[in-house]
Amino acid sequence: MNALLRAPASSTHPAEAQRRARVAETMARQGGGIAIVPTAPERRRNSDNDHPYRFDSHFHHLTGFAEPKSVLVLGSDGRSILFCRPKDPDHEIWDGLRVGPQDAPAALGVDEAWPIGELDTRMPQLLANQPAVWWCFGVHTELAGKLEGWLAAVRRRSRDGAQCPATQRDLNQLLDEMRLIKDDSEIRTMRIAARIAAGAHRRAMRFCAERLRNGAPSVREYEIEAELLHEFRRHGAQSPAYPSIVSPAA
C-alpha cells in the first residue's frame, strides 16, 4: 500500500500555471480552441452521507484545486477561467472552507473565476467563434449532454454572427501524453508520499513483531491495515493510493 498525497498548495500554484500554459500552447499549435475540464462528481453513499471525495486527476493536475462542483475552461490563448462553488458559511461548517470565486484567482493563479451556477449561462458565450472545443471523451458522462446544449445555444445566435465550433477534440490524448513525464513539483510530491509509505510499512512490521514476540498467535489483516492508515494520516497523506492488500502475520 502506498500513500496518496496531494501536492502542497501555494499562493499562486506556479506548477499548475505552467501546465496550463503547455496545454494552451499545444492547443494553439493544433488549430486553437477552448478546453473544458470538469472535476469529478461527488458520490452519494446513502441518504445523508457521501463517499470520501476524490477529484478528477486531469482537473487537479491543471488547477491544484480539490473542491467538488468545479470546472476549468482554458483557451488556446492561455486564458483560464474557473467555475467553482460560492462561499457559504452555513455549508462550510459541515463541508469545510471554500475558496470561492472572489479569492480563486489569487489562490490558484487563474485569470477569472465565476460561481458554478453561472456555467450554463456563460459557456455559450465562451464557445462562440472558437474553432474547436476540447474535452475528455468518455470520462464525464454529464458533460457530453451539457456540451450539446451549449453548442445548440451558440447555433441559435448564428444570425447575430456567432459561429459554433466546427470540431470537437479529445483532450485525453494531449493530457495523457503530457503527464507521462513528471515535472519537479510532481516528483517532490511522489518522494514525500514514498517516505510516508515506507515509514508506514516499517510501523506495521514493528507492530507485528511486537505482537508475535508477546505471544499472539497471529495478527489480523485489519490490525495491520490500521497501523498503515494511522501513519499515512499522521503525516498528512490524503488517503491510500489504492486499496489495501494485507496478508496476516503468523
Protein backbone atom coordinates (compact mmCIF):
# COMPACT_ATOMS: atom_id res chain seq x y z
CA MET A 1 0.00 0.00 0.00
CA ASN A 2 1.24 3.49 -0.83
CA ALA A 3 0.16 6.87 0.48
CA LEU A 4 -1.71 9.28 -1.77
CA LEU A 5 -0.51 12.81 -1.18
CA ARG A 6 -1.90 15.98 -2.68
CA ALA A 7 0.64 18.47 -3.92
CA PRO A 8 1.14 21.18 -1.29
CA ALA A 9 -0.76 24.35 -2.11
CA SER A 10 1.00 27.62 -2.81
CA SER A 11 -0.33 31.13 -3.13
CA THR A 12 -0.22 31.11 -6.93
CA HIS A 13 0.24 27.44 -7.90
CA PRO A 14 3.11 28.10 -10.34
CA ALA A 15 3.41 24.44 -11.39
CA GLU A 16 -0.25 24.27 -12.39
CA ALA A 17 0.02 27.60 -14.24
CA GLN A 18 2.95 26.22 -16.24
CA ARG A 19 0.96 23.09 -17.09
CA ARG A 20 -1.99 25.16 -18.29
CA ALA A 21 0.38 27.19 -20.45
CA ARG A 22 1.76 23.99 -22.01
CA VAL A 23 -1.75 22.74 -22.78
CA ALA A 24 -2.72 26.10 -24.28
CA GLU A 25 0.40 26.16 -26.46
CA THR A 26 -0.29 22.64 -27.74
CA MET A 27 -3.91 23.53 -28.49
CA ALA A 28 -2.76 26.63 -30.38
CA ARG A 29 -0.34 24.56 -32.50
CA GLN A 30 -3.19 22.21 -33.37
CA GLY A 31 -5.64 24.83 -34.57
CA GLY A 32 -6.68 26.54 -31.34
CA GLY A 33 -9.96 26.42 -29.48
CA ILE A 34 -11.16 26.15 -25.92
CA ALA A 35 -10.87 23.29 -23.41
CA ILE A 36 -13.44 22.30 -20.79
CA VAL A 37 -12.12 20.27 -17.84
CA PRO A 38 -14.59 19.40 -15.07
CA THR A 39 -13.60 17.79 -11.82
CA ALA A 40 -15.13 14.52 -10.63
CA PRO A 41 -18.67 14.50 -9.20
CA GLU A 42 -19.46 13.72 -5.60
CA ARG A 43 -20.79 10.21 -4.98
CA ARG A 44 -23.69 9.63 -2.60
CA ARG A 45 -23.22 6.72 -0.17
CA ASN A 46 -26.68 6.80 1.39
CA SER A 47 -29.46 9.28 2.07
CA ASP A 48 -27.36 11.77 4.03
CA ASN A 49 -23.75 10.73 3.54
CA ASP A 50 -21.28 10.91 0.65
CA HIS A 51 -18.30 8.74 -0.16
CA PRO A 52 -14.92 10.42 0.54
CA TYR A 53 -14.39 12.87 -2.28
CA ARG A 54 -11.72 12.25 -4.93
CA PHE A 55 -11.13 14.99 -7.52
CA ASP A 56 -10.55 14.31 -11.23
CA SER A 57 -6.82 13.80 -11.83
CA HIS A 58 -6.62 15.87 -15.04
CA PHE A 59 -8.51 18.73 -13.43
CA HIS A 60 -6.31 18.69 -10.34
CA HIS A 61 -3.19 18.47 -12.50
CA LEU A 62 -4.12 21.78 -14.15
CA THR A 63 -5.51 23.61 -11.11
CA GLY A 64 -4.32 22.11 -7.82
CA PHE A 65 -7.94 22.60 -6.72
CA ALA A 66 -9.55 19.85 -4.62
CA GLU A 67 -13.11 21.14 -4.25
CA PRO A 68 -16.06 19.42 -5.99
CA LYS A 69 -18.52 21.12 -8.35
CA SER A 70 -15.76 22.87 -10.29
CA VAL A 71 -14.92 23.32 -13.99
CA LEU A 72 -11.80 24.74 -15.63
CA VAL A 73 -12.14 26.49 -19.00
CA LEU A 74 -8.84 27.06 -20.79
CA GLY A 75 -8.37 28.91 -24.06
CA SER A 76 -5.59 28.32 -26.56
CA ASP A 77 -4.61 31.95 -25.87
CA GLY A 78 -3.68 30.81 -22.35
CA ARG A 79 -6.58 32.49 -20.55
CA SER A 80 -8.02 30.36 -17.74
CA ILE A 81 -11.43 30.58 -16.08
CA LEU A 82 -12.52 28.57 -13.04
CA PHE A 83 -16.14 27.91 -12.17
CA CYS A 84 -16.48 26.90 -8.52
CA ARG A 85 -18.81 26.90 -5.55
CA PRO A 86 -19.52 30.29 -3.95
CA LYS A 87 -18.73 30.91 -0.32
CA ASP A 88 -21.44 29.60 2.01
CA PRO A 89 -20.77 29.89 5.78
CA ASP A 90 -23.62 27.53 6.71
CA HIS A 91 -22.42 24.71 4.45
CA GLU A 92 -18.76 25.34 5.24
CA ILE A 93 -19.44 24.43 8.89
CA TRP A 94 -20.14 20.86 7.70
CA ASP A 95 -18.18 20.52 4.45
CA GLY A 96 -15.08 22.61 5.11
CA LEU A 97 -13.95 26.02 3.91
CA ARG A 98 -14.43 27.01 0.26
CA VAL A 99 -12.09 29.21 -1.73
CA GLY A 100 -14.93 30.91 -3.59
CA PRO A 101 -14.84 32.78 -6.93
CA GLN A 102 -13.64 36.05 -5.41
CA ASP A 103 -10.44 34.56 -3.96
CA ALA A 104 -9.80 31.83 -6.54
CA PRO A 105 -7.69 33.93 -8.96
CA ALA A 106 -5.22 34.92 -6.24
CA ALA A 107 -5.25 31.48 -4.60
CA LEU A 108 -4.94 29.39 -7.76
CA GLY A 109 -3.39 31.68 -10.35
CA VAL A 110 -6.34 31.54 -12.78
CA ASP A 111 -7.34 34.64 -14.71
CA GLU A 112 -11.02 34.66 -13.76
CA ALA A 113 -13.43 32.76 -11.52
CA TRP A 114 -17.21 32.60 -11.53
CA PRO A 115 -19.86 30.78 -9.46
CA ILE A 116 -20.59 27.31 -10.77
CA GLY A 117 -24.26 28.27 -11.04
CA GLU A 118 -23.36 30.60 -13.94
CA LEU A 119 -21.73 27.84 -16.03
CA ASP A 120 -24.73 27.22 -18.31
CA THR A 121 -25.17 30.93 -18.96
CA ARG A 122 -21.53 31.74 -19.69
CA MET A 123 -20.41 28.67 -21.64
CA PRO A 124 -22.29 29.51 -24.88
CA GLN A 125 -20.60 32.93 -24.82
CA LEU A 126 -17.18 31.33 -24.29
CA LEU A 127 -17.73 28.74 -27.04
CA ALA A 128 -18.90 31.24 -29.65
CA ASN A 129 -16.42 31.80 -32.50
CA GLN A 130 -13.99 29.18 -31.23
CA PRO A 131 -12.56 26.86 -33.93
CA ALA A 132 -12.73 23.77 -31.70
CA VAL A 133 -13.83 22.57 -28.28
CA TRP A 134 -11.51 20.22 -26.39
CA TRP A 135 -12.78 17.87 -23.68
CA CYS A 136 -12.02 14.41 -22.28
CA PHE A 137 -14.09 11.98 -24.33
CA GLY A 138 -15.77 9.14 -22.45
CA VAL A 139 -14.88 10.36 -18.95
CA HIS A 140 -17.59 12.75 -17.75
CA THR A 141 -20.93 11.41 -18.98
CA GLU A 142 -22.89 14.52 -17.99
CA LEU A 143 -20.56 16.86 -19.86
CA ALA A 144 -21.45 15.43 -23.27
CA GLY A 145 -25.12 16.33 -22.82
CA LYS A 146 -24.35 19.75 -21.40
CA LEU A 147 -21.97 20.49 -24.25
CA GLU A 148 -24.65 19.73 -26.82
CA GLY A 149 -26.94 22.19 -25.09
CA TRP A 150 -24.28 24.90 -25.04
CA LEU A 151 -23.44 24.36 -28.70
CA ALA A 152 -27.14 24.49 -29.61
CA ALA A 153 -27.35 27.85 -27.85
CA VAL A 154 -24.42 29.11 -29.96
CA ARG A 155 -26.08 27.90 -33.18
CA ARG A 156 -29.24 29.84 -32.29
CA ARG A 157 -27.14 33.01 -32.33
CA SER A 158 -25.85 32.41 -35.86
CA ARG A 159 -27.91 35.28 -37.28
CA ASP A 160 -26.07 37.57 -34.87
CA GLY A 161 -22.76 36.43 -36.31
CA ALA A 162 -21.85 33.84 -33.66
CA GLN A 163 -20.19 30.76 -35.12
CA CYS A 164 -20.25 27.35 -33.47
CA PRO A 165 -17.03 25.33 -33.03
CA ALA A 166 -16.70 23.08 -36.07
CA THR A 167 -14.57 20.45 -34.34
CA GLN A 168 -14.52 18.54 -31.08
CA ARG A 169 -11.10 17.29 -29.93
CA ASP A 170 -10.23 14.64 -27.33
CA LEU A 171 -8.25 16.31 -24.55
CA ASN A 172 -7.33 12.91 -23.05
CA GLN A 173 -4.65 12.35 -25.68
CA LEU A 174 -2.98 15.67 -25.01
CA LEU A 175 -3.07 15.40 -21.19
CA ASP A 176 -2.13 11.72 -21.02
CA GLU A 177 0.96 12.38 -23.10
CA MET A 178 1.91 15.45 -21.08
CA ARG A 179 1.57 13.65 -17.74
CA LEU A 180 3.85 10.75 -18.74
CA ILE A 181 6.91 12.79 -17.74
CA LYS A 182 6.61 14.21 -14.24
CA ASP A 183 7.65 17.77 -13.51
CA ASP A 184 9.68 18.87 -10.49
CA SER A 185 6.59 19.56 -8.38
CA GLU A 186 5.16 16.10 -9.03
CA ILE A 187 8.49 14.42 -8.31
CA ARG A 188 8.72 16.21 -4.95
CA THR A 189 5.21 15.08 -4.05
CA MET A 190 5.96 11.49 -5.08
CA ARG A 191 9.11 11.45 -2.93
CA ILE A 192 7.20 12.72 0.10
CA ALA A 193 4.49 10.09 -0.47
CA ALA A 194 7.15 7.38 -0.79
CA ARG A 195 8.76 8.40 2.51
CA ILE A 196 5.40 8.31 4.25
CA ALA A 197 4.59 4.91 2.76
CA ALA A 198 7.99 3.49 3.75
CA GLY A 199 7.52 4.72 7.31
CA ALA A 200 4.06 3.17 7.44
CA HIS A 201 5.38 -0.22 6.34
CA ARG A 202 8.12 -0.06 8.98
CA ARG A 203 5.50 0.78 11.59
CA ALA A 204 3.35 -2.17 10.51
CA MET A 205 6.33 -4.56 10.66
CA ARG A 206 7.33 -3.35 14.13
CA PHE A 207 3.74 -3.76 15.30
CA CYS A 208 3.57 -7.33 14.01
CA ALA A 209 6.94 -8.25 15.50
CA GLU A 210 5.98 -6.89 18.92
CA ARG A 211 2.63 -8.69 18.93
CA LEU A 212 4.19 -12.00 17.95
CA ARG A 213 7.03 -11.66 20.49
CA ASN A 214 4.41 -11.09 23.18
CA GLY A 215 2.77 -14.41 22.36
CA ALA A 216 -0.04 -13.50 19.97
CA PRO A 217 -0.74 -16.47 17.66
CA SER A 218 -1.26 -14.12 14.70
CA VAL A 219 -2.01 -10.53 13.71
CA ARG A 220 -5.24 -9.79 11.86
CA GLU A 221 -5.26 -8.10 8.46
CA TYR A 222 -7.37 -5.19 9.69
CA GLU A 223 -4.93 -4.56 12.55
CA ILE A 224 -2.01 -4.31 10.13
CA GLU A 225 -4.00 -2.06 7.82
CA ALA A 226 -4.90 0.19 10.77
CA GLU A 227 -1.22 0.75 11.51
CA LEU A 228 -0.56 1.70 7.89
CA LEU A 229 -3.51 4.09 7.73
CA HIS A 230 -2.57 5.71 11.04
CA GLU A 231 0.90 6.54 9.75
CA PHE A 232 -0.45 7.82 6.41
CA ARG A 233 -2.86 10.26 8.02
CA ARG A 234 -0.46 11.26 10.80
CA HIS A 235 1.91 12.65 8.18
CA GLY A 236 -0.70 14.45 6.10
CA ALA A 237 -1.45 11.92 3.34
CA GLN A 238 -4.92 12.30 1.89
CA SER A 239 -5.67 8.58 1.63
CA PRO A 240 -4.23 5.28 0.39
CA ALA A 241 -3.30 5.41 -3.30
CA TYR A 242 -5.08 2.08 -3.81
CA PRO A 243 -6.98 -0.45 -1.62
CA SER A 244 -5.03 -2.49 0.88
CA ILE A 245 -3.64 -5.92 0.07
CA VAL A 246 -2.70 -7.21 3.51
CA SER A 247 -1.69 -10.75 4.47
CA PRO A 248 -2.00 -11.85 8.12
CA ALA A 249 1.20 -12.26 10.12
CA ALA A 250 1.60 -15.58 11.87
